Protein backbone atom coordinates (compact mmCIF):
# COMPACT_ATOMS: atom_id res chain seq x y z
CA MET A 1 -59.57 -111.93 114.81
CA THR A 2 -59.58 -115.24 112.42
CA SER A 3 -56.93 -117.00 112.16
CA SER A 4 -57.58 -120.43 111.08
CA VAL A 5 -60.75 -122.03 109.28
CA VAL A 6 -61.35 -125.35 109.80
CA LEU A 7 -63.20 -127.44 107.07
CA PHE A 8 -64.89 -130.85 108.33
CA GLY A 9 -65.43 -133.27 105.60
CA ALA A 10 -62.47 -131.53 103.40
CA THR A 11 -62.34 -134.51 101.20
CA GLY A 12 -65.92 -134.48 100.35
CA ASP A 13 -68.12 -133.48 97.33
CA LEU A 14 -69.15 -130.31 98.66
CA ALA A 15 -65.81 -129.22 99.88
CA ARG A 16 -64.35 -129.97 96.32
CA ARG A 17 -67.30 -128.57 94.13
CA MET A 18 -68.01 -125.45 96.04
CA LEU A 19 -65.69 -124.53 99.23
CA TRP A 20 -62.28 -124.92 97.82
CA PRO A 21 -62.89 -123.29 94.66
CA SER A 22 -64.79 -120.36 96.58
CA LEU A 23 -61.92 -119.88 99.04
CA TYR A 24 -59.38 -119.74 96.14
CA ALA A 25 -61.50 -117.09 94.57
CA LEU A 26 -61.69 -115.11 97.72
CA ASP A 27 -57.77 -115.53 98.19
CA ARG A 28 -57.28 -114.59 94.32
CA GLU A 29 -59.55 -111.28 94.83
CA GLY A 30 -57.72 -110.42 98.08
CA LEU A 31 -60.87 -110.77 100.05
CA LEU A 32 -59.26 -113.47 102.71
CA PRO A 33 -57.78 -112.19 105.74
CA GLN A 34 -54.02 -112.30 104.56
CA ASP A 35 -52.84 -114.59 107.71
CA VAL A 36 -55.70 -116.66 107.67
CA ARG A 37 -54.84 -120.64 107.76
CA LEU A 38 -56.94 -123.05 105.96
CA VAL A 39 -57.22 -126.73 107.71
CA GLY A 40 -58.67 -129.37 106.05
CA ALA A 41 -60.06 -131.94 108.52
CA ALA A 42 -61.64 -135.32 107.47
CA LEU A 43 -61.06 -139.38 108.17
CA PRO A 44 -58.76 -140.54 105.31
CA LYS A 45 -55.10 -140.81 106.52
CA ILE A 46 -53.49 -138.80 103.33
CA ASP A 47 -50.37 -136.88 103.37
CA ASN A 48 -50.36 -133.05 102.97
CA GLN A 49 -49.35 -132.79 99.53
CA SER A 50 -51.53 -135.11 98.00
CA PHE A 51 -54.44 -133.47 99.73
CA VAL A 52 -53.23 -130.01 98.46
CA THR A 53 -53.00 -131.71 94.65
CA SER A 54 -56.39 -132.83 95.12
CA VAL A 55 -57.87 -129.60 96.13
CA GLY A 56 -55.62 -128.06 92.90
CA GLU A 57 -57.74 -130.69 90.71
CA ALA A 58 -60.85 -129.66 92.42
CA ILE A 59 -60.57 -125.99 91.31
CA ARG A 60 -59.51 -126.72 87.99
CA GLN A 61 -62.68 -128.70 87.65
CA SER A 62 -64.79 -126.31 89.23
CA ALA A 63 -67.11 -123.37 87.94
CA ASN A 64 -63.82 -121.17 88.90
CA ALA A 65 -61.50 -123.00 86.33
CA ALA A 66 -60.86 -119.81 84.68
CA LEU A 67 -59.18 -118.29 87.83
CA PHE A 68 -56.96 -121.20 88.18
CA ASP A 69 -53.25 -120.29 87.40
CA GLU A 70 -50.20 -122.05 88.91
CA SER A 71 -48.56 -119.14 90.66
CA GLY A 72 -51.82 -118.01 92.08
CA PHE A 73 -52.69 -121.71 93.42
CA ALA A 74 -49.19 -122.14 94.66
CA ALA A 75 -49.63 -119.11 97.01
CA PHE A 76 -53.22 -120.14 97.97
CA ALA A 77 -51.60 -123.67 99.01
CA LYS A 78 -49.02 -122.17 101.38
CA ARG A 79 -52.15 -121.44 103.63
CA ILE A 80 -53.69 -125.26 103.31
CA GLN A 81 -52.74 -128.06 105.91
CA TYR A 82 -54.60 -131.14 106.37
CA VAL A 83 -55.38 -133.18 109.18
CA SER A 84 -56.88 -136.68 109.79
CA VAL A 85 -59.58 -136.58 112.46
CA ASP A 86 -62.31 -138.98 113.96
CA ALA A 87 -64.66 -137.24 116.00
CA SER A 88 -66.31 -140.31 117.39
CA ALA A 89 -62.75 -141.58 118.82
CA LYS A 90 -61.23 -140.55 122.27
CA SER A 91 -58.93 -137.73 121.60
CA GLY A 92 -59.65 -137.85 117.82
CA LEU A 93 -59.28 -134.29 117.54
CA ASP A 94 -55.85 -134.28 119.16
CA PRO A 95 -54.07 -133.46 115.45
CA LEU A 96 -56.44 -130.84 114.90
CA ARG A 97 -55.44 -129.36 118.36
CA THR A 98 -51.79 -129.69 117.34
CA ALA A 99 -52.56 -128.07 113.95
CA LEU A 100 -54.41 -125.35 115.59
CA GLY A 101 -51.65 -124.29 118.13
CA GLY A 102 -53.88 -122.70 120.50
CA ALA A 103 -55.24 -120.44 118.18
CA ILE A 104 -58.63 -118.54 119.17
CA GLY A 105 -61.48 -117.25 116.93
CA THR A 106 -61.27 -120.20 114.85
CA ILE A 107 -64.05 -120.86 112.32
CA PHE A 108 -65.51 -124.43 111.99
CA TYR A 109 -67.23 -125.32 108.70
CA LEU A 110 -69.29 -128.33 109.23
CA ALA A 111 -69.56 -129.71 105.64
CA THR A 112 -70.70 -132.98 106.71
CA GLY A 113 -73.90 -135.11 107.30
CA PRO A 114 -76.39 -133.91 110.02
CA LYS A 115 -75.54 -136.93 111.88
CA LEU A 116 -72.30 -135.70 112.69
CA VAL A 117 -73.20 -132.32 113.66
CA ALA A 118 -73.90 -133.05 117.36
CA PRO A 119 -70.94 -135.31 117.65
CA LEU A 120 -68.49 -132.84 116.14
CA CYS A 121 -69.73 -129.91 118.26
CA ALA A 122 -69.27 -132.08 121.33
CA ALA A 123 -65.92 -133.18 120.53
CA LEU A 124 -64.94 -129.45 119.64
CA LYS A 125 -66.14 -128.71 123.33
CA GLU A 126 -64.59 -131.47 124.76
CA ALA A 127 -61.26 -130.65 123.40
CA GLY A 128 -61.11 -127.33 124.13
CA LEU A 129 -61.19 -125.82 120.48
CA ALA A 130 -64.32 -123.49 120.40
CA ASP A 131 -64.08 -120.50 122.25
CA ALA A 132 -66.23 -117.26 122.71
CA ALA A 133 -64.78 -115.86 119.28
CA SER A 134 -65.28 -118.90 117.32
CA ARG A 135 -67.92 -119.65 114.71
CA VAL A 136 -69.55 -122.25 113.35
CA VAL A 137 -70.98 -123.13 109.84
CA ILE A 138 -73.61 -125.90 109.66
CA GLU A 139 -74.86 -127.24 106.49
CA LYS A 140 -78.25 -128.10 105.96
CA PRO A 141 -80.29 -130.21 106.36
CA ILE A 142 -80.55 -129.54 109.96
CA GLY A 143 -82.67 -132.57 110.92
CA SER A 144 -85.43 -134.45 109.25
CA ASP A 145 -88.53 -132.77 111.36
CA ALA A 146 -89.20 -130.53 113.91
CA ALA A 147 -88.05 -132.73 116.80
CA SER A 148 -84.98 -133.85 115.17
CA ALA A 149 -83.79 -130.08 114.22
CA ALA A 150 -84.61 -129.20 117.81
CA ARG A 151 -82.03 -132.13 119.18
CA ILE A 152 -79.36 -130.88 116.76
CA ASN A 153 -80.02 -127.06 117.96
CA GLU A 154 -79.68 -127.84 121.34
CA ALA A 155 -76.61 -129.95 120.52
CA ILE A 156 -75.05 -126.94 118.71
CA ALA A 157 -76.43 -124.63 121.62
CA GLY A 158 -74.13 -126.83 124.14
CA THR A 159 -71.08 -125.49 122.53
CA PHE A 160 -71.75 -122.60 120.50
CA ALA A 161 -73.97 -119.31 121.58
CA GLU A 162 -76.87 -118.34 118.86
CA ASP A 163 -74.64 -115.62 117.52
CA GLN A 164 -71.66 -118.00 116.88
CA VAL A 165 -73.76 -120.19 114.61
CA PHE A 166 -74.17 -119.51 110.63
CA ARG A 167 -77.02 -122.32 109.59
CA ILE A 168 -76.21 -121.93 105.38
CA ASP A 169 -78.54 -121.98 102.95
CA HIS A 170 -76.44 -121.21 99.48
CA TYR A 171 -79.37 -120.03 97.74
CA LEU A 172 -79.18 -116.52 99.81
CA GLY A 173 -75.91 -116.13 98.57
CA LYS A 174 -77.15 -116.01 94.86
CA GLU A 175 -77.14 -112.67 93.29
CA ALA A 176 -80.38 -112.53 92.09
CA VAL A 177 -81.88 -113.60 95.49
CA GLN A 178 -79.90 -110.68 97.07
CA ASN A 179 -80.95 -108.37 94.10
CA LEU A 180 -84.67 -109.31 95.44
CA VAL A 181 -83.90 -107.74 98.69
CA ALA A 182 -82.34 -104.72 96.94
CA LEU A 183 -85.72 -104.53 94.60
CA ARG A 184 -88.32 -104.55 97.30
CA PHE A 185 -86.33 -102.37 99.87
CA ALA A 186 -84.03 -100.07 97.49
CA ASN A 187 -86.88 -98.96 95.32
CA ALA A 188 -90.10 -97.09 96.11
CA ILE A 189 -92.38 -97.77 93.14
CA TYR A 190 -93.04 -101.44 94.44
CA GLU A 191 -93.95 -100.87 98.09
CA PRO A 192 -97.65 -99.75 97.41
CA LEU A 193 -98.24 -102.73 95.27
CA TRP A 194 -96.48 -105.42 97.26
CA ASN A 195 -99.64 -106.73 98.88
CA LYS A 196 -103.07 -108.25 98.48
CA ASN A 197 -104.53 -105.20 96.80
CA ALA A 198 -102.32 -105.37 93.61
CA ILE A 199 -100.89 -108.83 93.76
CA GLU A 200 -103.15 -111.94 92.47
CA GLN A 201 -100.68 -114.66 93.13
CA VAL A 202 -96.64 -115.63 93.48
CA GLU A 203 -95.05 -118.25 91.99
CA ILE A 204 -91.76 -119.91 93.57
CA THR A 205 -90.40 -122.80 90.97
CA VAL A 206 -87.10 -124.58 91.58
CA ALA A 207 -86.86 -127.10 88.69
CA GLU A 208 -83.97 -129.54 87.93
CA THR A 209 -83.61 -131.82 84.89
CA VAL A 210 -81.00 -134.08 86.70
CA GLY A 211 -82.18 -137.02 88.55
CA VAL A 212 -80.64 -138.00 92.10
CA ASP A 213 -77.26 -138.50 90.47
CA GLY A 214 -76.07 -141.36 92.61
CA ARG A 215 -77.36 -139.90 95.80
CA TRP A 216 -80.76 -142.23 95.87
CA ALA A 217 -79.74 -143.52 99.62
CA PHE A 218 -79.78 -139.73 100.92
CA TYR A 219 -82.60 -138.53 98.91
CA ASN A 220 -85.14 -141.64 99.24
CA GLU A 221 -84.75 -140.53 103.23
CA ALA A 222 -85.44 -137.02 102.33
CA GLY A 223 -87.67 -136.58 99.11
CA ALA A 224 -88.48 -133.08 97.58
CA LEU A 225 -90.35 -131.80 100.36
CA ARG A 226 -87.71 -132.05 103.21
CA ASP A 227 -84.79 -131.15 100.59
CA MET A 228 -85.78 -128.46 98.86
CA VAL A 229 -89.12 -126.85 100.13
CA GLN A 230 -88.13 -126.92 103.63
CA SER A 231 -84.78 -124.73 103.06
CA HIS A 232 -84.57 -123.12 99.70
CA LEU A 233 -88.21 -122.64 98.50
CA LEU A 234 -89.24 -121.10 102.04
CA GLN A 235 -86.41 -118.96 102.43
CA LEU A 236 -87.37 -117.28 99.06
CA LEU A 237 -91.13 -117.29 100.08
CA CYS A 238 -89.85 -115.29 103.08
CA LEU A 239 -87.68 -112.79 101.40
CA VAL A 240 -90.92 -112.11 98.72
CA ALA A 241 -93.52 -111.95 101.82
CA MET A 242 -91.61 -110.23 104.75
CA GLU A 243 -92.23 -106.87 106.00
CA PRO A 244 -89.59 -104.19 105.43
CA PRO A 245 -86.96 -104.80 108.10
CA ALA A 246 -85.66 -101.52 110.50
CA SER A 247 -82.37 -102.05 109.19
CA PHE A 248 -80.15 -104.43 107.03
CA THR A 249 -78.87 -106.16 110.21
CA PRO A 250 -79.02 -110.05 111.11
CA SER A 251 -81.68 -109.63 113.96
CA ALA A 252 -83.91 -106.87 112.02
CA VAL A 253 -84.06 -109.25 108.74
CA ARG A 254 -84.10 -112.55 110.44
CA ASN A 255 -86.88 -111.15 112.91
CA GLU A 256 -89.12 -110.42 109.73
CA LYS A 257 -88.24 -113.81 107.98
CA VAL A 258 -89.63 -115.85 110.97
CA LYS A 259 -92.79 -113.94 111.37
CA VAL A 260 -93.65 -114.96 107.73
CA LEU A 261 -93.09 -118.57 109.04
CA TRP A 262 -94.95 -118.20 111.70
CA SER A 263 -98.04 -116.72 109.61
CA LEU A 264 -97.92 -119.59 107.16
CA ARG A 265 -101.47 -121.24 107.30
CA PRO A 266 -101.08 -125.21 108.27
CA ILE A 267 -101.93 -127.89 105.62
CA GLY A 268 -103.12 -131.04 107.29
CA ALA A 269 -104.73 -134.14 106.31
CA LYS A 270 -108.35 -132.01 105.28
CA GLU A 271 -106.06 -129.87 103.02
CA VAL A 272 -103.54 -131.81 101.32
CA ALA A 273 -105.72 -133.44 98.61
CA THR A 274 -106.59 -129.74 97.31
CA HIS A 275 -103.51 -128.11 98.38
CA THR A 276 -100.36 -130.24 97.34
CA ALA A 277 -99.37 -132.24 94.55
CA ARG A 278 -97.05 -135.05 94.74
CA GLY A 279 -95.20 -136.89 92.18
CA GLN A 280 -92.32 -139.49 91.05
CA TYR A 281 -90.43 -139.53 88.27
CA GLU A 282 -90.55 -142.72 86.06
CA GLY A 283 -87.27 -144.31 86.40
CA TYR A 284 -86.63 -143.30 90.05
CA LEU A 285 -86.72 -146.98 91.25
CA LYS A 286 -84.16 -147.74 88.70
CA GLU A 287 -81.54 -145.38 89.59
CA GLU A 288 -78.27 -146.48 91.18
CA GLY A 289 -78.84 -147.74 94.69
CA ALA A 290 -82.60 -147.76 94.13
CA SER A 291 -84.93 -150.62 96.29
CA ALA A 292 -87.71 -152.20 94.46
CA THR A 293 -90.38 -149.86 96.00
CA SER A 294 -90.37 -146.35 97.26
CA GLU A 295 -93.09 -143.83 98.33
CA THR A 296 -90.63 -140.82 98.29
CA GLU A 297 -91.86 -137.73 96.16
CA THR A 298 -89.13 -136.30 93.56
CA PHE A 299 -92.07 -133.63 92.82
CA VAL A 300 -93.92 -131.47 95.01
CA ALA A 301 -96.48 -128.47 94.57
CA ILE A 302 -97.80 -126.77 97.30
CA ARG A 303 -100.53 -124.18 97.19
CA ALA A 304 -99.51 -121.86 100.63
CA GLU A 305 -101.09 -119.18 102.28
CA ILE A 306 -99.82 -116.50 104.61
CA ASP A 307 -102.49 -115.44 107.37
CA ASN A 308 -101.53 -111.31 107.80
CA TRP A 309 -102.91 -108.18 106.68
CA ARG A 310 -100.09 -107.97 103.73
CA TRP A 311 -101.02 -111.22 102.13
CA ALA A 312 -104.59 -112.60 103.25
CA GLY A 313 -106.22 -114.27 100.28
CA VAL A 314 -102.89 -114.27 97.83
CA PRO A 315 -101.75 -117.92 97.19
CA PHE A 316 -98.07 -118.78 96.89
CA HIS A 317 -97.47 -121.75 94.58
CA LEU A 318 -94.34 -123.59 95.41
CA LYS A 319 -93.26 -125.86 92.74
CA THR A 320 -90.04 -128.23 92.85
CA GLY A 321 -88.87 -131.39 91.30
CA LYS A 322 -86.26 -133.45 89.52
CA ARG A 323 -86.34 -134.80 85.79
CA LEU A 324 -88.66 -131.82 84.95
CA ALA A 325 -88.52 -130.24 81.59
CA GLU A 326 -86.16 -127.73 81.99
CA ARG A 327 -83.66 -126.31 84.54
CA SER A 328 -85.29 -123.18 85.96
CA SER A 329 -85.54 -121.59 89.55
CA GLU A 330 -87.61 -118.24 89.36
CA ILE A 331 -90.34 -116.42 91.11
CA VAL A 332 -93.18 -114.73 89.34
CA ILE A 333 -95.25 -111.99 91.00
CA ARG A 334 -98.40 -111.70 89.02
CA PHE A 335 -100.66 -108.56 89.43
CA LYS A 336 -104.22 -108.48 89.04
CA SER A 337 -105.72 -107.61 86.16
CA ALA A 338 -106.86 -104.12 85.08
CA PRO A 339 -110.11 -103.52 86.71
CA PHE A 340 -111.75 -102.56 83.33
CA ASN A 341 -110.93 -103.00 79.66
CA ILE A 342 -111.36 -99.70 77.63
CA PHE A 343 -109.81 -101.46 74.70
CA ALA A 344 -112.37 -104.53 74.08
CA ASP A 345 -114.64 -103.04 71.62
CA ILE A 346 -111.93 -102.96 69.41
CA GLY A 347 -110.82 -106.49 69.91
CA ALA A 348 -107.87 -105.95 72.19
CA SER A 349 -107.20 -107.85 75.21
CA LEU A 350 -105.37 -107.23 78.13
CA ALA A 351 -102.65 -109.37 79.96
CA GLN A 352 -101.67 -109.63 83.58
CA ASN A 353 -98.69 -107.52 84.67
CA THR A 354 -95.63 -109.79 85.85
CA LEU A 355 -92.45 -109.39 87.53
CA LEU A 356 -89.94 -112.37 86.55
CA ILE A 357 -87.22 -112.82 88.90
CA LYS A 358 -85.08 -115.46 87.27
CA LEU A 359 -82.28 -116.94 89.32
CA GLN A 360 -81.00 -119.84 87.30
CA PRO A 361 -79.57 -120.70 84.78
CA GLU A 362 -79.37 -116.66 83.96
CA GLU A 363 -79.96 -113.99 86.38
CA ARG A 364 -82.82 -111.70 85.29
CA ILE A 365 -85.56 -109.56 86.15
CA THR A 366 -88.24 -108.77 83.78
CA MET A 367 -91.26 -106.69 83.95
CA THR A 368 -94.03 -107.35 81.57
CA LEU A 369 -96.23 -104.14 80.39
CA MET A 370 -98.97 -103.90 77.79
CA HIS A 371 -97.69 -101.72 74.87
CA LYS A 372 -99.27 -100.65 71.65
CA GLU A 373 -98.12 -102.55 68.44
CA PRO A 374 -96.37 -100.10 66.30
CA GLY A 375 -98.01 -99.47 62.69
CA LEU A 376 -101.30 -97.96 61.17
CA ASN A 377 -103.48 -100.98 61.75
CA GLU A 378 -106.17 -101.84 64.06
CA PHE A 379 -105.07 -100.59 67.60
CA ALA A 380 -103.38 -103.72 68.81
CA LEU A 381 -101.59 -104.52 72.05
CA ASP A 382 -99.00 -106.94 73.26
CA GLU A 383 -96.92 -107.88 76.15
CA VAL A 384 -93.34 -106.40 76.24
CA GLY A 385 -90.85 -106.92 78.92
CA LEU A 386 -88.62 -104.44 80.61
CA ASP A 387 -85.49 -106.45 81.24
CA LEU A 388 -82.71 -106.07 83.85
CA SER A 389 -79.81 -108.79 82.83
CA VAL A 390 -77.43 -108.82 85.32
CA SER A 391 -74.79 -109.86 83.00
CA ASP A 392 -75.65 -107.24 80.19
CA ALA A 393 -76.02 -104.21 83.29
CA PHE A 394 -72.73 -105.57 84.67
CA PRO A 395 -70.38 -106.88 81.82
CA LYS A 396 -67.34 -106.89 83.76
CA GLY A 397 -68.92 -108.97 86.62
CA ARG A 398 -67.86 -112.58 86.96
CA ARG A 399 -70.79 -115.05 87.80
CA ARG A 400 -69.99 -116.11 91.17
CA ILE A 401 -70.48 -119.56 93.44
CA ALA A 402 -72.80 -118.39 95.86
CA TYR A 403 -70.68 -120.04 98.37
CA GLU A 404 -68.35 -117.10 97.89
CA ARG A 405 -70.72 -114.35 99.35
CA MET A 406 -71.94 -116.97 102.12
CA LEU A 407 -68.04 -117.41 103.13
CA LEU A 408 -67.20 -113.77 102.95
CA ASP A 409 -70.01 -113.07 105.26
CA VAL A 410 -68.59 -115.50 107.77
CA PHE A 411 -65.42 -113.80 107.84
CA ARG A 412 -67.28 -110.38 108.38
CA ASN A 413 -69.01 -111.98 111.19
CA ASN A 414 -72.70 -110.52 109.22
CA SER A 415 -75.40 -113.37 109.62
CA ALA A 416 -78.09 -111.51 107.81
CA LEU A 417 -78.24 -113.98 105.23
CA PHE A 418 -78.05 -117.29 107.22
CA VAL A 419 -80.92 -118.81 108.82
CA ARG A 420 -81.41 -118.64 112.64
CA ARG A 421 -82.96 -121.48 114.96
CA ASP A 422 -86.38 -120.23 115.16
CA GLU A 423 -86.58 -119.90 111.36
CA VAL A 424 -85.14 -123.78 111.02
CA GLU A 425 -88.07 -125.06 113.81
CA ALA A 426 -90.87 -122.93 112.53
CA ALA A 427 -90.06 -124.15 108.64
CA TRP A 428 -90.05 -127.91 110.05
CA LYS A 429 -93.03 -127.48 112.13
CA TRP A 430 -94.92 -126.37 108.69
CA ILE A 431 -93.54 -129.12 106.62
CA ASP A 432 -94.38 -131.61 109.68
CA GLY A 433 -97.87 -131.13 109.20
CA ILE A 434 -97.71 -131.56 105.28
CA ILE A 435 -95.99 -135.03 106.12
CA ALA A 436 -98.28 -136.10 108.48
CA GLY A 437 -101.49 -134.92 106.51
CA TRP A 438 -99.97 -136.96 103.39
CA LYS A 439 -99.80 -140.03 105.87
CA THR A 440 -103.20 -139.80 107.19
CA ALA A 441 -104.93 -138.93 103.72
CA GLY A 442 -102.77 -141.60 102.32
CA ILE A 443 -101.54 -139.23 99.34
CA LYS A 444 -99.02 -141.03 97.30
CA PRO A 445 -96.84 -139.72 94.88
CA LYS A 446 -98.27 -139.65 91.26
CA PRO A 447 -95.84 -140.99 88.30
CA TYR A 448 -94.74 -138.91 86.02
CA LYS A 449 -92.47 -138.80 82.82
CA ALA A 450 -89.10 -137.70 82.94
CA GLY A 451 -88.67 -134.46 81.09
CA THR A 452 -92.32 -133.32 81.64
CA TRP A 453 -93.66 -130.60 84.20
CA GLY A 454 -94.69 -133.30 86.71
CA PRO A 455 -97.70 -135.12 87.44
CA ARG A 456 -101.06 -133.68 85.81
CA ALA A 457 -102.22 -132.69 89.41
């Protein structure tokens, strides 16, 4: 049984914006194990009370601010202990060992940069803090290519068995993403249509209106392809395209997801000009911390194809970028047109049926159907949406931070929504081919104006 959670990077941006507010929400709803302790670990030398105060401030400034009250936080604060550690120093985890007091089954959350994952895992092993009942949560990105991802995974495997490892992609914690799984596998009407026979194309878009927001140095090393496509968009693609799993268990779900990644048609130097578009918003080189030149893309669009029986010939259009026209994350399933328009003689045209799965800023599922316009005039047709709004259907529900679900699943030891090692490495292999193709073909980012939908390509 888990008695402690150790949060490395406890003073960092991710911990303040997402992790502490999520843990607090779980505590308020009685979903944290009653006796579990929360140990914050980071390099700064600060006293425990100052740290607890900063956690309270972070919660009050977060998306869960409405849940905050003094008595509730006072109870939560009793769980918290802060220790200053330096994993790079000999005996640098001694203060953590003292704080844990021989506890077993500890959950270690590595809310740190990827360069610290291997040293932290090695330090935990050397200090004897990781045991067979422990779990470790790893944030993305895991590496910057297939080779570095494999090295990091090997370092993790040196301390933790694969079933102890939770590689987190917070997109999989969003209600709308989980609703995609329910939509596909809890409703019989879609399965006969969910294939190349009925679907013409699939569009997956994650658009942001913000720029790099002070993270230029990090973002410039990654770019849109590594930062967003390799993780978020490919995970969404897997959930759309995977075969029905035998059960909703971690192994069954992830077995089907990785098969999709293995089936992605490679995109190399011969295909990048026609199957990808690469852009950089005007003003990127004037952001705080920017250098005079950079060929990093802030926008990428890809035409992906899955070579298997279900999806052969169906394009999956993946698009993501910064400084775009609006903030929107969505999946659009475009069904094939009706084979014949019997209304053509009276001037009525038919539109394709579409299934829109909106992830943010609102969570909504809309199915568009052709409908006769009311009245006695000429027979006219128009598109009408059948809407399922999460907020309307469940008005008493609270919009949660996605990390709440992910953290709860870690406590429950349920890794179905987490990414397995072979998924990470298969995704990177496909991404590496695109990057190498860009280099060989000399594909540079095209400029686009901020507030638009990217370069004309």
